[in-house]
Amino acid sequence: MNVGEKVRKMFSEARRIIVLTRKPKKSEFNETIKVTGAGILIMGFIGFVVLLLSRIL
């Protein structure tokens, strides 16, 4: 498989993905924001606890 064939295959796969995608509904978007925000808060809390433990020990 030469470079030209690889590039054509990559573009055809990318086009297929773009055709299948759709804009999320408002409820889906809000749910994504909530889950992402919760994940960020949890990771921040874990980092804070690790920082506190490292300073105590």
Foldseek 3Di string as FASTA:
>chain_A
DDPVVVVVVVVVVVVVVVVPDDDDDPVVVVVVVVVVVVVVVVVVVVVVVVVVVVVVD
